[in-house]
Amino acid sequence: MSTGPGVLETILIALATTLVTTVGAGWLVVPRLEARKRRIGELHQARDRFLASMLRITAAAARLREMEEPAADAQGWTDVMRDRVMAERARWVTQLDETTAWMIDNLETYAVNWAMDDLRQMVGTYVFYARAVMISERTDGKKAERLRQLTEPVWAVFGSRGWQRGPRLLPRSQEQLAEAVAAVLADADPQSDAQLPVAS
């Protein structure tokens, strides 16, 4: 088999092309793919934290509703037990405060995960009113109840395998969220909630 200049030249060109393609991909394509992968990973992490935040709100609100503040004249309560119960309730209120603060402060990092305007609006409405409830002057028990009402319809759509039940879930959940917002506005206190906009 003859290995003339034409064959050697072709082999060298093929090797050079391979080298340039590999180096070029390493310099140009791979960094962009890595950056894209990182951004997508951050979006998914933020979405997962939003879902975990809804669970945390649901759990802390349920604990507050279940363990009521002992009345001052309640029989069978020692001062120590009363103080411990009050400390636990304060801890759960702090969890609700921190969680709703994170949700509103980081809304832009996870709301973009959902392509539909209806879904993004639902998330925005929920987060806004959940935070408004927490900074209001309502009692802790009333805050817990309003947060439960706000969270349940949103969780039905975004968590708890909601999408596997199809799009029929969204309209009813939107209605329930609107009803929860109406309840928040109905008992708005004059200091914090008077200027809240009505959800569309």
Protein backbone atom coordinates (compact mmCIF):
# COMPACT_ATOMS: atom_id res chain seq x y z
CA MET A 1 0.00 0.00 0.00
CA SER A 2 1.41 3.34 -1.02
CA THR A 3 1.79 6.03 1.63
CA GLY A 4 2.33 9.00 -0.61
CA PRO A 5 2.15 12.65 0.40
CA GLY A 6 -1.63 12.76 -0.18
CA VAL A 7 -2.42 10.09 2.42
CA LEU A 8 -0.03 11.52 5.02
CA GLU A 9 -1.44 14.98 4.46
CA THR A 10 -4.99 13.66 4.95
CA ILE A 11 -4.05 11.94 8.20
CA LEU A 12 -2.37 15.09 9.54
CA ILE A 13 -5.39 17.22 8.61
CA ALA A 14 -7.71 14.73 10.36
CA LEU A 15 -5.53 14.76 13.49
CA ALA A 16 -5.34 18.55 13.49
CA THR A 17 -9.12 18.81 13.06
CA THR A 18 -9.71 16.41 15.94
CA LEU A 19 -7.29 18.31 18.15
CA VAL A 20 -8.83 21.69 17.33
CA THR A 21 -12.37 20.33 17.87
CA THR A 22 -11.48 18.76 21.21
CA VAL A 23 -9.61 21.80 22.51
CA GLY A 24 -12.27 24.18 21.17
CA ALA A 25 -15.05 22.20 22.83
CA GLY A 26 -13.09 22.15 26.06
CA TRP A 27 -12.57 25.91 25.97
CA LEU A 28 -15.91 27.07 24.62
CA VAL A 29 -18.65 24.45 24.91
CA VAL A 30 -17.88 22.63 28.17
CA PRO A 31 -17.73 25.78 30.37
CA ARG A 32 -21.08 26.94 28.99
CA LEU A 33 -22.64 23.54 29.57
CA GLU A 34 -21.27 23.47 33.12
CA ALA A 35 -22.63 26.96 33.82
CA ARG A 36 -26.03 25.96 32.41
CA LYS A 37 -26.01 22.78 34.50
CA ARG A 38 -25.21 24.82 37.62
CA ARG A 39 -28.03 27.32 36.92
CA ILE A 40 -30.56 24.55 36.34
CA GLY A 41 -29.38 22.82 39.52
CA GLU A 42 -29.83 26.03 41.52
CA LEU A 43 -33.36 26.49 40.13
CA HIS A 44 -34.28 22.95 41.15
CA GLN A 45 -32.77 23.41 44.60
CA ALA A 46 -34.76 26.62 45.10
CA ARG A 47 -37.94 24.89 43.94
CA ASP A 48 -37.32 21.99 46.32
CA ARG A 49 -36.72 24.42 49.18
CA PHE A 50 -40.00 26.19 48.34
CA LEU A 51 -41.84 22.86 48.52
CA ALA A 52 -40.07 22.03 51.80
CA SER A 53 -41.05 25.48 53.11
CA MET A 54 -44.72 24.74 52.47
CA LEU A 55 -44.38 21.50 54.44
CA ARG A 56 -42.66 23.35 57.27
CA ILE A 57 -45.43 25.95 57.37
CA THR A 58 -48.08 23.23 57.39
CA ALA A 59 -46.36 21.34 60.22
CA ALA A 60 -45.59 24.37 62.41
CA ALA A 61 -49.09 25.79 61.92
CA ALA A 62 -50.64 22.43 62.84
CA ARG A 63 -48.54 22.26 66.02
CA LEU A 64 -49.62 25.76 66.99
CA ARG A 65 -53.28 24.89 66.48
CA GLU A 66 -52.99 21.60 68.38
CA MET A 67 -51.06 22.93 71.39
CA GLU A 68 -53.01 25.97 72.47
CA GLU A 69 -51.68 28.54 74.86
CA PRO A 70 -52.69 27.51 78.41
CA ALA A 71 -55.08 29.91 80.07
CA ALA A 72 -53.77 31.78 83.10
CA ASP A 73 -56.33 30.12 85.36
CA ALA A 74 -56.13 26.63 83.80
CA GLN A 75 -56.08 23.85 86.39
CA GLY A 76 -53.24 21.34 86.47
CA TRP A 77 -50.61 23.59 84.89
CA THR A 78 -47.43 24.35 86.79
CA ASP A 79 -45.47 27.49 86.01
CA VAL A 80 -42.66 25.36 84.59
CA MET A 81 -44.94 23.49 82.17
CA ARG A 82 -46.69 26.69 81.15
CA ASP A 83 -43.31 28.30 80.39
CA ARG A 84 -42.19 25.28 78.39
CA VAL A 85 -45.36 25.22 76.30
CA MET A 86 -45.05 28.95 75.65
CA ALA A 87 -41.40 28.48 74.62
CA GLU A 88 -42.40 25.73 72.17
CA ARG A 89 -45.14 27.89 70.68
CA ALA A 90 -42.68 30.79 70.32
CA ARG A 91 -40.26 28.45 68.54
CA TRP A 92 -42.93 27.37 66.06
CA VAL A 93 -43.90 30.99 65.42
CA THR A 94 -40.23 31.73 64.74
CA GLN A 95 -40.15 28.84 62.23
CA LEU A 96 -43.16 30.30 60.45
CA ASP A 97 -41.59 33.76 60.43
CA GLU A 98 -38.24 32.54 59.08
CA THR A 99 -39.87 30.34 56.45
CA THR A 100 -42.22 32.99 55.07
CA ALA A 101 -39.34 35.49 55.09
CA TRP A 102 -37.19 33.11 53.01
CA MET A 103 -40.04 32.49 50.57
CA ILE A 104 -40.66 36.16 49.85
CA ASP A 105 -36.97 37.08 49.79
CA ASN A 106 -36.18 34.33 47.27
CA LEU A 107 -39.35 34.36 45.17
CA GLU A 108 -37.46 35.16 41.97
CA THR A 109 -35.24 32.09 42.36
CA TYR A 110 -38.03 29.50 42.25
CA ALA A 111 -41.11 31.15 40.70
CA VAL A 112 -39.47 31.04 37.27
CA ASN A 113 -39.43 27.23 37.45
CA TRP A 114 -43.01 27.04 36.26
CA ALA A 115 -43.75 27.99 32.68
CA MET A 116 -47.43 28.90 33.02
CA ASP A 117 -48.39 32.43 34.09
CA ASP A 118 -51.20 30.98 36.22
CA LEU A 119 -48.72 28.93 38.21
CA ARG A 120 -46.30 31.79 38.72
CA GLN A 121 -49.14 34.06 39.81
CA MET A 122 -50.42 31.42 42.22
CA VAL A 123 -47.00 31.12 43.83
CA GLY A 124 -46.58 34.90 44.03
CA THR A 125 -50.02 35.41 45.58
CA TYR A 126 -49.45 32.66 48.11
CA VAL A 127 -46.01 33.89 49.17
CA PHE A 128 -47.13 37.53 49.45
CA TYR A 129 -50.17 36.79 51.60
CA ALA A 130 -48.38 34.19 53.73
CA ARG A 131 -45.77 36.79 54.63
CA ALA A 132 -48.44 39.44 55.19
CA VAL A 133 -50.17 37.13 57.66
CA MET A 134 -46.93 36.56 59.57
CA ILE A 135 -46.12 40.26 59.96
CA SER A 136 -49.68 41.15 60.94
CA GLU A 137 -50.93 41.66 64.48
CA ARG A 138 -53.13 38.58 64.45
CA THR A 139 -52.87 36.12 67.30
CA ASP A 140 -50.56 33.16 66.75
CA GLY A 141 -53.56 30.84 66.49
CA LYS A 142 -55.20 33.02 63.82
CA LYS A 143 -51.91 33.21 61.91
CA ALA A 144 -51.64 29.42 61.97
CA GLU A 145 -55.19 29.02 60.67
CA ARG A 146 -54.74 31.57 57.86
CA LEU A 147 -51.43 30.01 56.82
CA ARG A 148 -53.07 26.59 56.67
CA GLN A 149 -55.85 27.95 54.46
CA LEU A 150 -53.33 29.64 52.15
CA THR A 151 -50.97 26.66 51.93
CA GLU A 152 -53.37 23.78 51.29
CA PRO A 153 -54.51 24.74 47.75
CA VAL A 154 -50.97 25.62 46.67
CA TRP A 155 -49.59 22.35 48.03
CA ALA A 156 -52.31 20.47 46.17
CA VAL A 157 -50.93 21.83 42.88
CA PHE A 158 -47.17 21.93 43.47
CA GLY A 159 -46.56 19.19 46.00
CA SER A 160 -48.06 15.88 46.95
CA ARG A 161 -47.82 14.55 43.37
CA GLY A 162 -50.41 17.09 42.30
CA TRP A 163 -49.45 17.09 38.63
CA GLN A 164 -50.15 13.38 38.34
CA ARG A 165 -53.83 14.17 38.87
CA GLY A 166 -53.91 16.42 35.84
CA PRO A 167 -54.78 20.02 35.07
CA ARG A 168 -58.29 19.68 36.53
CA LEU A 169 -56.71 20.38 39.93
CA LEU A 170 -55.56 23.92 39.11
CA PRO A 171 -58.91 25.76 38.74
CA ARG A 172 -60.28 24.44 42.04
CA SER A 173 -57.02 25.22 43.84
CA GLN A 174 -57.08 28.76 42.43
CA GLU A 175 -60.60 29.19 43.79
CA GLN A 176 -59.54 27.89 47.21
CA LEU A 177 -56.55 30.23 47.27
CA ALA A 178 -58.80 33.18 46.35
CA GLU A 179 -61.13 32.21 49.21
CA ALA A 180 -58.16 32.03 51.61
CA VAL A 181 -56.98 35.47 50.46
CA ALA A 182 -60.50 36.83 50.97
CA ALA A 183 -60.43 35.44 54.52
CA VAL A 184 -57.08 37.15 55.13
CA LEU A 185 -58.47 40.45 53.87
CA ALA A 186 -61.69 40.05 55.87
CA ASP A 187 -59.91 39.98 59.21
CA ALA A 188 -57.09 42.33 58.24
CA ASP A 189 -55.78 44.31 61.14
CA PRO A 190 -55.43 48.07 60.65
CA GLN A 191 -51.67 48.22 61.23
CA SER A 192 -50.29 45.66 58.79
CA ASP A 193 -52.97 44.45 56.43
CA ALA A 194 -55.10 47.45 55.58
CA GLN A 195 -53.25 48.20 52.35
CA LEU A 196 -53.06 44.65 50.98
CA PRO A 197 -54.20 44.44 47.37
CA VAL A 198 -57.09 42.17 46.50
CA ALA A 199 -55.97 39.11 44.52
CA SER A 200 -57.36 38.93 41.01
